[in-house]
Amino acid sequence: AMMGTAIGLISFIGYLPDIILPQMNTYLWNTFGDQGGYVAYFIVSAVFGVLGIAIIAIYARLNQKENATEKAALKGAALKA
């Protein structure tokens, strides 16, 4: 049951752009016209790309801090033994 739930959740996340992008494109084209729709689409894509890079950078920094804490704890435990 847990594996099926995990597969379903991962599939939902993976297919989420296929659900959202057509609706977003329709809105952008209807609101800004043909040329403006293309420009707005690429601006939105760039914003999401920068947001993704920022999230990766934050996650990497948190992961480095966690690894440093683990190494310090293991080193302290090794010194006590």
PDB file of N, CA and C in Angstrom:
ATOM      1  N   ALA A   1       0.828  -1.190   0.000  1.00  0.00           N
ATOM      2  CA  ALA A   1       0.000   0.000   0.000  1.00  0.00           C
ATOM      3  C   ALA A   1       0.872   1.254   0.000  1.00  0.00           C
ATOM      4  N   MET A   2       1.958   1.212   0.759  1.00  0.00           N
ATOM      5  CA  MET A   2       2.829   2.382   0.846  1.00  0.00           C
ATOM      6  C   MET A   2       3.527   2.640  -0.489  1.00  0.00           C
ATOM      7  N   MET A   3       3.954   1.563  -1.150  1.00  0.00           N
ATOM      8  CA  MET A   3       4.649   1.715  -2.424  1.00  0.00           C
ATOM      9  C   MET A   3       3.710   2.288  -3.490  1.00  0.00           C
ATOM     10  N   GLY A   4       2.486   1.823  -3.509  1.00  0.00           N
ATOM     11  CA  GLY A   4       1.508   2.343  -4.459  1.00  0.00           C
ATOM     12  C   GLY A   4       1.217   3.815  -4.225  1.00  0.00           C
ATOM     13  N   THR A   5       1.128   4.213  -2.959  1.00  0.00           N
ATOM     14  CA  THR A   5       0.908   5.616  -2.627  1.00  0.00           C
ATOM     15  C   THR A   5       2.089   6.466  -3.076  1.00  0.00           C
ATOM     16  N   ALA A   6       3.302   5.975  -2.836  1.00  0.00           N
ATOM     17  CA  ALA A   6       4.500   6.714  -3.243  1.00  0.00           C
ATOM     18  C   ALA A   6       4.558   6.857  -4.762  1.00  0.00           C
ATOM     19  N   ILE A   7       4.275   5.787  -5.479  1.00  0.00           N
ATOM     20  CA  ILE A   7       4.294   5.840  -6.944  1.00  0.00           C
ATOM     21  C   ILE A   7       3.233   6.814  -7.452  1.00  0.00           C
ATOM     22  N   GLY A   8       2.061   6.784  -6.859  1.00  0.00           N
ATOM     23  CA  GLY A   8       0.998   7.700  -7.257  1.00  0.00           C
ATOM     24  C   GLY A   8       1.365   9.151  -7.011  1.00  0.00           C
ATOM     25  N   LEU A   9       1.962   9.434  -5.862  1.00  0.00           N
ATOM     26  CA  LEU A   9       2.351  10.803  -5.534  1.00  0.00           C
ATOM     27  C   LEU A   9       3.456  11.297  -6.463  1.00  0.00           C
ATOM     28  N   ILE A  10       4.455  10.458  -6.700  1.00  0.00           N
ATOM     29  CA  ILE A  10       5.552  10.837  -7.593  1.00  0.00           C
ATOM     30  C   ILE A  10       5.031  11.043  -9.017  1.00  0.00           C
ATOM     31  N   SER A  11       4.121  10.191  -9.458  1.00  0.00           N
ATOM     32  CA  SER A  11       3.542  10.349 -10.795  1.00  0.00           C
ATOM     33  C   SER A  11       2.749  11.648 -10.894  1.00  0.00           C
ATOM     34  N   PHE A  12       2.001  11.967  -9.851  1.00  0.00           N
ATOM     35  CA  PHE A  12       1.237  13.218  -9.840  1.00  0.00           C
ATOM     36  C   PHE A  12       2.169  14.416  -9.962  1.00  0.00           C
ATOM     37  N   ILE A  13       3.253  14.418  -9.197  1.00  0.00           N
ATOM     38  CA  ILE A  13       4.213  15.521  -9.260  1.00  0.00           C
ATOM     39  C   ILE A  13       4.857  15.581 -10.647  1.00  0.00           C
ATOM     40  N   GLY A  14       5.194  14.427 -11.204  1.00  0.00           N
ATOM     41  CA  GLY A  14       5.827  14.388 -12.517  1.00  0.00           C
ATOM     42  C   GLY A  14       4.918  14.875 -13.635  1.00  0.00           C
ATOM     43  N   TYR A  15       3.634  14.574 -13.548  1.00  0.00           N
ATOM     44  CA  TYR A  15       2.695  14.970 -14.598  1.00  0.00           C
ATOM     45  C   TYR A  15       2.030  16.319 -14.326  1.00  0.00           C
ATOM     46  N   LEU A  16       2.325  16.945 -13.196  1.00  0.00           N
ATOM     47  CA  LEU A  16       1.706  18.223 -12.849  1.00  0.00           C
ATOM     48  C   LEU A  16       1.928  19.301 -13.915  1.00  0.00           C
ATOM     49  N   PRO A  17       3.122  19.432 -14.486  1.00  0.00           N
ATOM     50  CA  PRO A  17       3.270  20.431 -15.561  1.00  0.00           C
ATOM     51  C   PRO A  17       2.354  20.167 -16.755  1.00  0.00           C
ATOM     52  N   ASP A  18       2.106  18.898 -17.074  1.00  0.00           N
ATOM     53  CA  ASP A  18       1.208  18.577 -18.188  1.00  0.00           C
ATOM     54  C   ASP A  18      -0.227  18.990 -17.886  1.00  0.00           C
ATOM     55  N   ILE A  19      -0.562  19.103 -16.625  1.00  0.00           N
ATOM     56  CA  ILE A  19      -1.902  19.524 -16.222  1.00  0.00           C
ATOM     57  C   ILE A  19      -1.995  21.048 -16.220  1.00  0.00           C
ATOM     58  N   ILE A  20      -0.961  21.709 -15.729  1.00  0.00           N
ATOM     59  CA  ILE A  20      -1.007  23.153 -15.505  1.00  0.00           C
ATOM     60  C   ILE A  20      -0.651  23.968 -16.747  1.00  0.00           C
ATOM     61  N   LEU A  21       0.373  23.547 -17.504  1.00  0.00           N
ATOM     62  CA  LEU A  21       0.870  24.370 -18.613  1.00  0.00           C
ATOM     63  C   LEU A  21      -0.173  24.707 -19.678  1.00  0.00           C
ATOM     64  N   PRO A  22      -1.002  23.772 -20.133  1.00  0.00           N
ATOM     65  CA  PRO A  22      -2.001  24.165 -21.141  1.00  0.00           C
ATOM     66  C   PRO A  22      -2.967  25.238 -20.635  1.00  0.00           C
ATOM     67  N   GLN A  23      -3.372  25.132 -19.379  1.00  0.00           N
ATOM     68  CA  GLN A  23      -4.276  26.141 -18.825  1.00  0.00           C
ATOM     69  C   GLN A  23      -3.577  27.488 -18.682  1.00  0.00           C
ATOM     70  N   MET A  24      -2.308  27.452 -18.244  1.00  0.00           N
ATOM     71  CA  MET A  24      -1.549  28.687 -18.102  1.00  0.00           C
ATOM     72  C   MET A  24      -1.330  29.335 -19.472  1.00  0.00           C
ATOM     73  N   ASN A  25      -0.975  28.520 -20.473  1.00  0.00           N
ATOM     74  CA  ASN A  25      -0.753  29.056 -21.818  1.00  0.00           C
ATOM     75  C   ASN A  25      -2.020  29.685 -22.385  1.00  0.00           C
ATOM     76  N   THR A  26      -3.146  29.035 -22.194  1.00  0.00           N
ATOM     77  CA  THR A  26      -4.416  29.582 -22.674  1.00  0.00           C
ATOM     78  C   THR A  26      -4.694  30.930 -22.031  1.00  0.00           C
ATOM     79  N   TYR A  27      -4.485  31.018 -20.730  1.00  0.00           N
ATOM     80  CA  TYR A  27      -4.700  32.283 -20.027  1.00  0.00           C
ATOM     81  C   TYR A  27      -3.756  33.366 -20.551  1.00  0.00           C
ATOM     82  N   LEU A  28      -2.471  33.028 -20.700  1.00  0.00           N
ATOM     83  CA  LEU A  28      -1.490  34.015 -21.157  1.00  0.00           C
ATOM     84  C   LEU A  28      -1.800  34.492 -22.572  1.00  0.00           C
ATOM     85  N   TRP A  29      -2.139  33.568 -23.470  1.00  0.00           N
ATOM     86  CA  TRP A  29      -2.436  33.951 -24.852  1.00  0.00           C
ATOM     87  C   TRP A  29      -3.716  34.785 -24.922  1.00  0.00           C
ATOM     88  N   ASN A  30      -4.739  34.425 -24.149  1.00  0.00           N
ATOM     89  CA  ASN A  30      -5.985  35.195 -24.158  1.00  0.00           C
ATOM     90  C   ASN A  30      -5.796  36.577 -23.549  1.00  0.00           C
ATOM     91  N   THR A  31      -4.941  36.679 -22.544  1.00  0.00           N
ATOM     92  CA  THR A  31      -4.739  37.949 -21.860  1.00  0.00           C
ATOM     93  C   THR A  31      -3.815  38.878 -22.632  1.00  0.00           C
ATOM     94  N   PHE A  32      -2.709  38.350 -23.169  1.00  0.00           N
ATOM     95  CA  PHE A  32      -1.666  39.191 -23.761  1.00  0.00           C
ATOM     96  C   PHE A  32      -1.577  39.096 -25.284  1.00  0.00           C
ATOM     97  N   GLY A  33      -2.380  38.275 -25.912  1.00  0.00           N
ATOM     98  CA  GLY A  33      -2.311  38.124 -27.360  1.00  0.00           C
ATOM     99  C   GLY A  33      -1.183  37.187 -27.759  1.00  0.00           C
ATOM    100  N   ASP A  34      -0.952  37.075 -29.071  1.00  0.00           N
ATOM    101  CA  ASP A  34       0.042  36.113 -29.559  1.00  0.00           C
ATOM    102  C   ASP A  34       1.459  36.468 -29.117  1.00  0.00           C
ATOM    103  N   GLN A  35       1.940  37.647 -29.503  1.00  0.00           N
ATOM    104  CA  GLN A  35       3.319  38.024 -29.177  1.00  0.00           C
ATOM    105  C   GLN A  35       3.496  38.175 -27.666  1.00  0.00           C
ATOM    106  N   GLY A  36       2.572  38.850 -27.020  1.00  0.00           N
ATOM    107  CA  GLY A  36       2.653  39.034 -25.567  1.00  0.00           C
ATOM    108  C   GLY A  36       2.539  37.721 -24.818  1.00  0.00           C
ATOM    109  N   GLY A  37       1.773  36.787 -25.370  1.00  0.00           N
ATOM    110  CA  GLY A  37       1.644  35.470 -24.743  1.00  0.00           C
ATOM    111  C   GLY A  37       2.961  34.723 -24.732  1.00  0.00           C
ATOM    112  N   TYR A  38       3.688  34.787 -25.852  1.00  0.00           N
ATOM    113  CA  TYR A  38       5.008  34.145 -25.910  1.00  0.00           C
ATOM    114  C   TYR A  38       5.964  34.779 -24.904  1.00  0.00           C
ATOM    115  N   VAL A  39       5.977  36.105 -24.866  1.00  0.00           N
ATOM    116  CA  VAL A  39       6.870  36.809 -23.941  1.00  0.00           C
ATOM    117  C   VAL A  39       6.512  36.457 -22.497  1.00  0.00           C
ATOM    118  N   ALA A  40       5.223  36.489 -22.175  1.00  0.00           N
ATOM    119  CA  ALA A  40       4.787  36.171 -20.819  1.00  0.00           C
ATOM    120  C   ALA A  40       5.120  34.725 -20.463  1.00  0.00           C
ATOM    121  N   TYR A  41       4.965  33.817 -21.427  1.00  0.00           N
ATOM    122  CA  TYR A  41       5.280  32.408 -21.176  1.00  0.00           C
ATOM    123  C   TYR A  41       6.751  32.236 -20.819  1.00  0.00           C
ATOM    124  N   PHE A  42       7.637  32.877 -21.574  1.00  0.00           N
ATOM    125  CA  PHE A  42       9.060  32.727 -21.301  1.00  0.00           C
ATOM    126  C   PHE A  42       9.463  33.438 -20.014  1.00  0.00           C
ATOM    127  N   ILE A  43       8.795  34.536 -19.675  1.00  0.00           N
ATOM    128  CA  ILE A  43       9.070  35.192 -18.393  1.00  0.00           C
ATOM    129  C   ILE A  43       8.656  34.279 -17.246  1.00  0.00           C
ATOM    130  N   VAL A  44       7.477  33.691 -17.345  1.00  0.00           N
ATOM    131  CA  VAL A  44       7.012  32.769 -16.302  1.00  0.00           C
ATOM    132  C   VAL A  44       7.952  31.570 -16.204  1.00  0.00           C
ATOM    133  N   SER A  45       8.384  31.040 -17.342  1.00  0.00           N
ATOM    134  CA  SER A  45       9.322  29.910 -17.342  1.00  0.00           C
ATOM    135  C   SER A  45      10.635  30.293 -16.670  1.00  0.00           C
ATOM    136  N   ALA A  46      11.140  31.489 -16.961  1.00  0.00           N
ATOM    137  CA  ALA A  46      12.390  31.946 -16.350  1.00  0.00           C
ATOM    138  C   ALA A  46      12.233  32.116 -14.844  1.00  0.00           C
ATOM    139  N   VAL A  47      11.100  32.657 -14.414  1.00  0.00           N
ATOM    140  CA  VAL A  47      10.861  32.839 -12.976  1.00  0.00           C
ATOM    141  C   VAL A  47      10.827  31.487 -12.272  1.00  0.00           C
ATOM    142  N   PHE A  48      10.137  30.514 -12.862  1.00  0.00           N
ATOM    143  CA  PHE A  48      10.099  29.183 -12.253  1.00  0.00           C
ATOM    144  C   PHE A  48      11.480  28.536 -12.246  1.00  0.00           C
ATOM    145  N   GLY A  49      12.273  28.767 -13.285  1.00  0.00           N
ATOM    146  CA  GLY A  49      13.635  28.240 -13.319  1.00  0.00           C
ATOM    147  C   GLY A  49      14.497  28.827 -12.218  1.00  0.00           C
ATOM    148  N   VAL A  50      14.423  30.148 -12.039  1.00  0.00           N
ATOM    149  CA  VAL A  50      15.194  30.808 -10.977  1.00  0.00           C
ATOM    150  C   VAL A  50      14.712  30.337  -9.611  1.00  0.00           C
ATOM    151  N   LEU A  51      13.410  30.177  -9.459  1.00  0.00           N
ATOM    152  CA  LEU A  51      12.862  29.675  -8.200  1.00  0.00           C
ATOM    153  C   LEU A  51      13.376  28.266  -7.912  1.00  0.00           C
ATOM    154  N   GLY A  52      13.427  27.425  -8.929  1.00  0.00           N
ATOM    155  CA  GLY A  52      13.957  26.073  -8.757  1.00  0.00           C
ATOM    156  C   GLY A  52      15.420  26.079  -8.355  1.00  0.00           C
ATOM    157  N   ILE A  53      16.216  26.949  -8.977  1.00  0.00           N
ATOM    158  CA  ILE A  53      17.633  27.053  -8.622  1.00  0.00           C
ATOM    159  C   ILE A  53      17.785  27.522  -7.180  1.00  0.00           C
ATOM    160  N   ALA A  54      16.966  28.482  -6.759  1.00  0.00           N
ATOM    161  CA  ALA A  54      17.030  28.973  -5.379  1.00  0.00           C
ATOM    162  C   ALA A  54      16.679  27.867  -4.389  1.00  0.00           C
ATOM    163  N   ILE A  55      15.661  27.081  -4.696  1.00  0.00           N
ATOM    164  CA  ILE A  55      15.272  25.981  -3.808  1.00  0.00           C
ATOM    165  C   ILE A  55      16.387  24.947  -3.725  1.00  0.00           C
ATOM    166  N   ILE A  56      17.032  24.646  -4.850  1.00  0.00           N
ATOM    167  CA  ILE A  56      18.148  23.696  -4.851  1.00  0.00           C
ATOM    168  C   ILE A  56      19.297  24.228  -4.006  1.00  0.00           C
ATOM    169  N   ALA A  57      19.602  25.523  -4.134  1.00  0.00           N
ATOM    170  CA  ALA A  57      20.694  26.117  -3.353  1.00  0.00           C
ATOM    171  C   ALA A  57      20.395  26.057  -1.861  1.00  0.00           C
ATOM    172  N   ILE A  58      19.160  26.348  -1.480  1.00  0.00           N
ATOM    173  CA  ILE A  58      18.775  26.281  -0.065  1.00  0.00           C
ATOM    174  C   ILE A  58      18.878  24.850   0.440  1.00  0.00           C
ATOM    175  N   TYR A  59      18.382  23.905  -0.338  1.00  0.00           N
ATOM    176  CA  TYR A  59      18.442  22.499   0.060  1.00  0.00           C
ATOM    177  C   TYR A  59      19.887  22.032   0.190  1.00  0.00           C
ATOM    178  N   ALA A  60      20.747  22.433  -0.745  1.00  0.00           N
ATOM    179  CA  ALA A  60      22.156  22.031  -0.690  1.00  0.00           C
ATOM    180  C   ALA A  60      22.828  22.593   0.556  1.00  0.00           C
ATOM    181  N   ARG A  61      22.534  23.835   0.886  1.00  0.00           N
ATOM    182  CA  ARG A  61      23.118  24.446   2.084  1.00  0.00           C
ATOM    183  C   ARG A  61      22.645  23.725   3.349  1.00  0.00           C
ATOM    184  N   LEU A  62      21.363  23.419   3.419  1.00  0.00           N
ATOM    185  CA  LEU A  62      20.846  22.686   4.583  1.00  0.00           C
ATOM    186  C   LEU A  62      21.472  21.303   4.675  1.00  0.00           C
ATOM    187  N   ASN A  63      21.657  20.653   3.535  1.00  0.00           N
ATOM    188  CA  ASN A  63      22.255  19.324   3.502  1.00  0.00           C
ATOM    189  C   ASN A  63      23.709  19.379   3.965  1.00  0.00           C
ATOM    190  N   GLN A  64      24.451  20.412   3.562  1.00  0.00           N
ATOM    191  CA  GLN A  64      25.837  20.562   4.002  1.00  0.00           C
ATOM    192  C   GLN A  64      25.915  20.754   5.513  1.00  0.00           C
ATOM    193  N   LYS A  65      25.009  21.574   6.065  1.00  0.00           N
ATOM    194  CA  LYS A  65      24.999  21.792   7.512  1.00  0.00           C
ATOM    195  C   LYS A  65      24.687  20.497   8.249  1.00  0.00           C
ATOM    196  N   GLU A  66      23.728  19.733   7.727  1.00  0.00           N
ATOM    197  CA  GLU A  66      23.361  18.468   8.362  1.00  0.00           C
ATOM    198  C   GLU A  66      24.522  17.484   8.311  1.00  0.00           C
ATOM    199  N   ASN A  67      25.211  17.413   7.177  1.00  0.00           N
ATOM    200  CA  ASN A  67      26.364  16.516   7.059  1.00  0.00           C
ATOM    201  C   ASN A  67      27.479  16.924   8.004  1.00  0.00           C
ATOM    202  N   ALA A  68      27.717  18.230   8.157  1.00  0.00           N
ATOM    203  CA  ALA A  68      28.753  18.704   9.074  1.00  0.00           C
ATOM    204  C   ALA A  68      28.392  18.347  10.512  1.00  0.00           C
ATOM    205  N   THR A  69      27.125  18.471  10.864  1.00  0.00           N
ATOM    206  CA  THR A  69      26.675  18.122  12.210  1.00  0.00           C
ATOM    207  C   THR A  69      26.843  16.631  12.458  1.00  0.00           C
ATOM    208  N   GLU A  70      26.497  15.812  11.464  1.00  0.00           N
ATOM    209  CA  GLU A  70      26.661  14.358  11.599  1.00  0.00           C
ATOM    210  C   GLU A  70      28.125  13.981  11.755  1.00  0.00           C
ATOM    211  N   LYS A  71      28.998  14.584  10.967  1.00  0.00           N
ATOM    212  CA  LYS A  71      30.429  14.283  11.064  1.00  0.00           C
ATOM    213  C   LYS A  71      30.968  14.659  12.434  1.00  0.00           C
ATOM    214  N   ALA A  72      30.544  15.805  12.950  1.00  0.00           N
ATOM    215  CA  ALA A  72      30.996  16.231  14.269  1.00  0.00           C
ATOM    216  C   ALA A  72      30.501  15.266  15.340  1.00  0.00           C
ATOM    217  N   ALA A  73      29.267  14.805  15.220  1.00  0.00           N
ATOM    218  CA  ALA A  73      28.717  13.866  16.197  1.00  0.00           C
ATOM    219  C   ALA A  73      29.447  12.530  16.127  1.00  0.00           C
ATOM    220  N   LEU A  74      29.731  12.052  14.918  1.00  0.00           N
ATOM    221  CA  LEU A  74      30.456  10.788  14.771  1.00  0.00           C
ATOM    222  C   LEU A  74      31.885  10.910  15.284  1.00  0.00           C
ATOM    223  N   LYS A  75      32.504  12.045  15.031  1.00  0.00           N
ATOM    224  CA  LYS A  75      33.869  12.260  15.509  1.00  0.00           C
ATOM    225  C   LYS A  75      33.891  12.306  17.033  1.00  0.00           C
ATOM    226  N   GLY A  76      32.911  12.962  17.628  1.00  0.00           N
ATOM    227  CA  GLY A  76      32.811  13.019  19.087  1.00  0.00           C
ATOM    228  C   GLY A  76      32.564  11.648  19.683  1.00  0.00           C
ATOM    229  N   ALA A  77      31.725  10.845  19.018  1.00  0.00           N
ATOM    230  CA  ALA A  77      31.448   9.489  19.505  1.00  0.00           C
ATOM    231  C   ALA A  77      32.686   8.618  19.378  1.00  0.00           C
ATOM    232  N   ALA A  78      33.466   8.809  18.323  1.00  0.00           N
ATOM    233  CA  ALA A  78      34.683   8.011  18.132  1.00  0.00           C
ATOM    234  C   ALA A  78      35.730   8.369  19.177  1.00  0.00           C
ATOM    235  N   LEU A  79      35.782   9.636  19.569  1.00  0.00           N
ATOM    236  CA  LEU A  79      36.751  10.047  20.585  1.00  0.00           C
ATOM    237  C   LEU A  79      36.397   9.483  21.955  1.00  0.00           C
ATOM    238  N   LYS A  80      35.108   9.336  22.234  1.00  0.00           N
ATOM    239  CA  LYS A  80      34.666   8.799  23.525  1.00  0.00           C
ATOM    240  C   LYS A  80      34.916   7.302  23.612  1.00  0.00           C
ATOM    241  N   ALA A  81      34.917   6.625  22.478  1.00  0.00           N
ATOM    242  CA  ALA A  81      35.071   5.168  22.475  1.00  0.00           C
ATOM    243  C   ALA A  81      36.480   4.766  22.580  1.00  0.00           C
TER     244      ALA A  81
END
